[in-house]
Amino acid sequence: MFVLTIDQRNSQGSGDKVPQLLSSLADLPMLLAFERSVGDEVQGVCDSAQTAVDAVLQVLRDGNWYVGVGVGPVHEPLPLSPREAGGPAFVAARQAVDRAKKSGDRPPIAVEGSPGATDAEAVLVLLGRLIAERTDAEWRILQHVDPGKWGSQTAAARKLGISSQAVSKAARRAGWQEEWAARPAAAVLLERADDLARGQGSGQGNSSTKDG
């Protein structure tokens, strides 16, 4: 399982952004859909590493959040809400988001709960840096480019009324193809981390409540 705990950065200075975040994550196939856990924090649970990667990168693009991913078991049967759930992956997600708050200049993402967490985190940090460095102008182009689809750059250029060369330049500068080539690697590493966590038979207690 993958538990994502997402906490807003500088909430006192920027207002409550939780409703917008929940709306942006609403279409992801979660076991327990994202919802406000307490204050300006959001939690969700999924069993797909690819879904976890998609969620992490979508949140990092927003730029207003600390992201913690906990890998490993959760208590079953699952309740209807992540607020009522618990298990080692929830503990790990809490540790991860707390560490993400100390990430300094690097993307605020951390993964905990497994000997394999470090490898998965390293790839997510690299992907997060690619995303964070993109300009609004690049995103306006990239949102029309289907990754890995032949002819999508030409179609995007036609839709936007710009040259194919301009689209190609934006995609190259933004590392668009590199991002989508690396997303499966991040998912594989998260799956491996989850396997290792379950193999440990972790006996940590449960905690899904925000400190303080």
Protein backbone atom coordinates (compact mmCIF):
# COMPACT_ATOMS: atom_id res chain seq x y z
CA MET A 1 0.00 0.00 0.00
CA PHE A 2 0.99 3.63 -0.48
CA VAL A 3 -0.16 6.33 1.90
CA LEU A 4 0.31 9.92 0.82
CA THR A 5 0.32 12.66 3.44
CA ILE A 6 0.40 16.13 1.90
CA ASP A 7 0.79 19.27 3.99
CA GLN A 8 0.44 22.84 2.76
CA ARG A 9 3.46 25.13 2.73
CA ASN A 10 3.09 28.59 4.26
CA SER A 11 -0.63 28.16 4.82
CA GLN A 12 -0.85 31.23 7.05
CA GLY A 13 0.53 33.44 4.31
CA SER A 14 -1.27 31.95 1.30
CA GLY A 15 -4.68 30.87 2.58
CA ASP A 16 -6.32 27.45 2.53
CA LYS A 17 -5.52 25.66 -0.75
CA VAL A 18 -6.89 22.26 0.28
CA PRO A 19 -10.15 22.52 -1.73
CA GLN A 20 -8.25 23.21 -4.97
CA LEU A 21 -5.84 20.36 -4.29
CA LEU A 22 -8.64 17.89 -3.61
CA SER A 23 -10.33 18.91 -6.84
CA SER A 24 -7.13 18.37 -8.84
CA LEU A 25 -6.63 14.88 -7.34
CA ALA A 26 -10.26 13.75 -7.52
CA ASP A 27 -9.89 11.62 -10.67
CA LEU A 28 -7.03 9.45 -9.40
CA PRO A 29 -8.00 5.77 -8.76
CA MET A 30 -7.45 5.66 -5.00
CA LEU A 31 -8.50 2.98 -2.52
CA LEU A 32 -9.26 5.75 -0.05
CA ALA A 33 -9.76 9.02 -1.90
CA PHE A 34 -7.83 12.08 -0.85
CA GLU A 35 -9.54 14.12 1.82
CA ARG A 36 -8.65 16.69 4.42
CA SER A 37 -7.25 14.86 7.43
CA VAL A 38 -6.74 17.81 9.77
CA GLY A 39 -6.04 21.50 9.27
CA ASP A 40 -4.31 22.08 5.95
CA GLU A 41 -3.26 18.46 5.47
CA VAL A 42 -4.57 15.89 3.00
CA GLN A 43 -4.27 12.09 3.02
CA GLY A 44 -5.09 9.30 0.58
CA VAL A 45 -4.33 5.60 0.11
CA CYS A 46 -3.70 3.62 -3.08
CA ASP A 47 -2.36 0.19 -3.96
CA SER A 48 -0.89 1.24 -7.32
CA ALA A 49 2.66 2.56 -7.44
CA GLN A 50 1.88 4.32 -10.72
CA THR A 51 -1.04 6.13 -9.12
CA ALA A 52 1.24 7.18 -6.27
CA VAL A 53 3.78 8.56 -8.76
CA ASP A 54 1.05 10.43 -10.66
CA ALA A 55 -0.25 11.96 -7.44
CA VAL A 56 3.21 12.98 -6.19
CA LEU A 57 4.15 14.70 -9.45
CA GLN A 58 0.81 16.46 -9.77
CA VAL A 59 1.20 17.84 -6.25
CA LEU A 60 4.82 18.87 -6.81
CA ARG A 61 3.79 20.75 -9.93
CA ASP A 62 1.48 22.87 -7.79
CA GLY A 63 4.48 23.94 -5.69
CA ASN A 64 2.54 24.65 -2.49
CA TRP A 65 2.90 21.35 -0.68
CA TYR A 66 5.16 19.03 1.27
CA VAL A 67 4.66 15.42 0.16
CA GLY A 68 5.28 12.31 2.24
CA VAL A 69 4.85 8.78 0.87
CA GLY A 70 4.60 5.87 3.27
CA VAL A 71 5.02 2.36 1.87
CA GLY A 72 4.01 -0.89 3.50
CA PRO A 73 1.01 -2.47 5.22
CA VAL A 74 -2.10 -0.73 6.44
CA HIS A 75 -4.68 -2.12 8.80
CA GLU A 76 -7.44 -4.03 7.02
CA PRO A 77 -10.27 -4.06 6.30
CA LEU A 78 -9.97 -0.49 5.15
CA PRO A 79 -12.45 1.99 6.58
CA LEU A 80 -14.33 4.48 4.44
CA SER A 81 -11.98 7.35 5.25
CA PRO A 82 -8.18 7.70 5.59
CA ARG A 83 -8.88 9.60 8.82
CA GLU A 84 -10.06 6.32 10.34
CA ALA A 85 -7.25 4.17 8.92
CA GLY A 86 -3.88 3.22 10.37
CA GLY A 87 -0.92 0.92 10.12
CA PRO A 88 2.82 1.07 9.42
CA ALA A 89 2.40 2.88 6.09
CA PHE A 90 0.57 5.72 7.86
CA VAL A 91 3.37 6.01 10.38
CA ALA A 92 5.89 6.06 7.54
CA ALA A 93 3.92 8.73 5.65
CA ARG A 94 3.95 10.95 8.75
CA GLN A 95 7.72 10.53 9.09
CA ALA A 96 8.13 11.24 5.38
CA VAL A 97 6.15 14.48 5.30
CA ASP A 98 7.95 15.72 8.40
CA ARG A 99 11.27 15.07 6.67
CA ALA A 100 10.04 16.70 3.45
CA LYS A 101 9.58 19.91 5.44
CA LYS A 102 13.35 19.93 6.00
CA SER A 103 14.29 19.36 2.36
CA GLY A 104 15.69 22.86 1.84
CA ASP A 105 16.08 23.80 -1.82
CA ARG A 106 15.31 20.36 -3.23
CA PRO A 107 11.76 19.27 -4.13
CA PRO A 108 9.80 18.66 -0.89
CA ILE A 109 9.16 14.93 -1.34
CA ALA A 110 10.22 12.09 0.96
CA VAL A 111 9.52 8.34 1.04
CA GLU A 112 9.68 6.21 4.20
CA GLY A 113 8.79 2.76 5.45
CA SER A 114 11.19 0.46 3.63
CA PRO A 115 14.87 -0.23 2.91
CA GLY A 116 13.99 0.53 -0.72
CA ALA A 117 12.49 3.96 0.05
CA THR A 118 15.73 5.84 -0.65
CA ASP A 119 15.92 4.62 -4.26
CA ALA A 120 12.31 5.53 -5.02
CA GLU A 121 12.72 8.93 -3.37
CA ALA A 122 15.83 9.72 -5.42
CA VAL A 123 13.98 9.29 -8.73
CA LEU A 124 10.95 11.25 -7.51
CA VAL A 125 13.23 14.10 -6.44
CA LEU A 126 14.80 14.22 -9.91
CA LEU A 127 11.38 14.21 -11.57
CA GLY A 128 10.17 16.83 -9.13
CA ARG A 129 13.08 19.09 -10.03
CA LEU A 130 12.26 18.78 -13.74
CA ILE A 131 8.68 19.77 -13.04
CA ALA A 132 9.52 22.60 -10.66
CA GLU A 133 11.84 24.29 -13.16
CA ARG A 134 9.24 24.56 -15.93
CA THR A 135 7.82 27.93 -16.79
CA ASP A 136 4.13 28.75 -17.19
CA ALA A 137 4.76 29.22 -20.92
CA GLU A 138 6.19 25.71 -21.18
CA TRP A 139 3.24 24.22 -19.31
CA ARG A 140 0.81 25.96 -21.67
CA ILE A 141 2.46 24.06 -24.51
CA LEU A 142 3.12 20.76 -22.73
CA GLN A 143 -0.49 20.29 -21.66
CA HIS A 144 -1.31 19.70 -25.33
CA VAL A 145 1.53 17.22 -25.96
CA ASP A 146 0.68 13.55 -25.36
CA PRO A 147 3.90 11.91 -24.15
CA GLY A 148 5.17 9.09 -26.34
CA LYS A 149 2.47 9.60 -28.98
CA TRP A 150 3.72 10.01 -32.54
CA GLY A 151 2.59 13.29 -34.08
CA SER A 152 1.40 14.83 -30.83
CA GLN A 153 3.85 17.74 -31.07
CA THR A 154 2.61 18.57 -34.56
CA ALA A 155 -0.98 18.38 -33.36
CA ALA A 156 -0.15 20.63 -30.40
CA ALA A 157 1.50 23.17 -32.68
CA ARG A 158 -1.57 23.24 -34.92
CA LYS A 159 -3.90 23.67 -31.95
CA LEU A 160 -1.80 26.45 -30.43
CA GLY A 161 -1.08 28.22 -33.71
CA ILE A 162 2.70 28.01 -33.31
CA SER A 163 5.45 26.17 -35.15
CA SER A 164 6.30 22.52 -34.55
CA GLN A 165 9.85 23.67 -33.83
CA ALA A 166 8.59 25.86 -30.98
CA VAL A 167 6.73 22.91 -29.45
CA SER A 168 9.74 20.64 -29.88
CA LYS A 169 12.03 23.21 -28.28
CA ALA A 170 9.71 23.61 -25.28
CA ALA A 171 9.41 19.85 -24.79
CA ARG A 172 13.17 19.40 -25.04
CA ARG A 173 13.98 22.26 -22.70
CA ALA A 174 11.42 21.03 -20.15
CA GLY A 175 12.60 17.41 -20.21
CA TRP A 176 9.09 16.27 -21.17
CA GLN A 177 10.11 12.97 -22.78
CA GLU A 178 12.62 12.28 -20.01
CA GLU A 179 9.95 12.73 -17.38
CA TRP A 180 7.57 10.28 -18.97
CA ALA A 181 10.36 7.78 -19.63
CA ALA A 182 11.32 7.89 -15.94
CA ARG A 183 7.84 7.70 -14.42
CA PRO A 184 7.68 3.88 -14.83
CA ALA A 185 11.09 3.57 -13.15
CA ALA A 186 9.80 5.52 -10.16
CA ALA A 187 6.77 3.23 -9.97
CA VAL A 188 8.95 0.09 -10.15
CA LEU A 189 11.11 1.38 -7.30
CA LEU A 190 8.04 2.18 -5.20
CA GLU A 191 6.70 -1.34 -5.82
CA ARG A 192 10.04 -2.78 -4.77
CA ALA A 193 10.04 -0.64 -1.64
CA ASP A 194 6.54 -1.87 -0.80
CA ASP A 195 7.60 -5.50 -1.29
CA LEU A 196 10.57 -4.97 1.02
CA ALA A 197 8.41 -3.26 3.63
CA ARG A 198 5.93 -6.14 3.67
CA GLY A 199 8.80 -8.59 3.80
CA GLN A 200 10.02 -6.95 6.99
CA GLY A 201 6.72 -7.70 8.70
CA SER A 202 6.94 -4.28 10.29
CA GLY A 203 5.38 -4.08 13.71
CA GLN A 204 5.12 -0.29 13.99
CA GLY A 205 2.08 1.17 15.64
CA ASN A 206 -0.52 3.19 13.82
CA SER A 207 -0.80 6.94 13.51
CA SER A 208 -2.71 8.96 10.96
CA THR A 209 -3.11 12.14 12.99
CA LYS A 210 -1.10 15.25 12.30
CA ASP A 211 1.26 16.27 15.09
CA GLY A 212 0.55 19.59 16.74
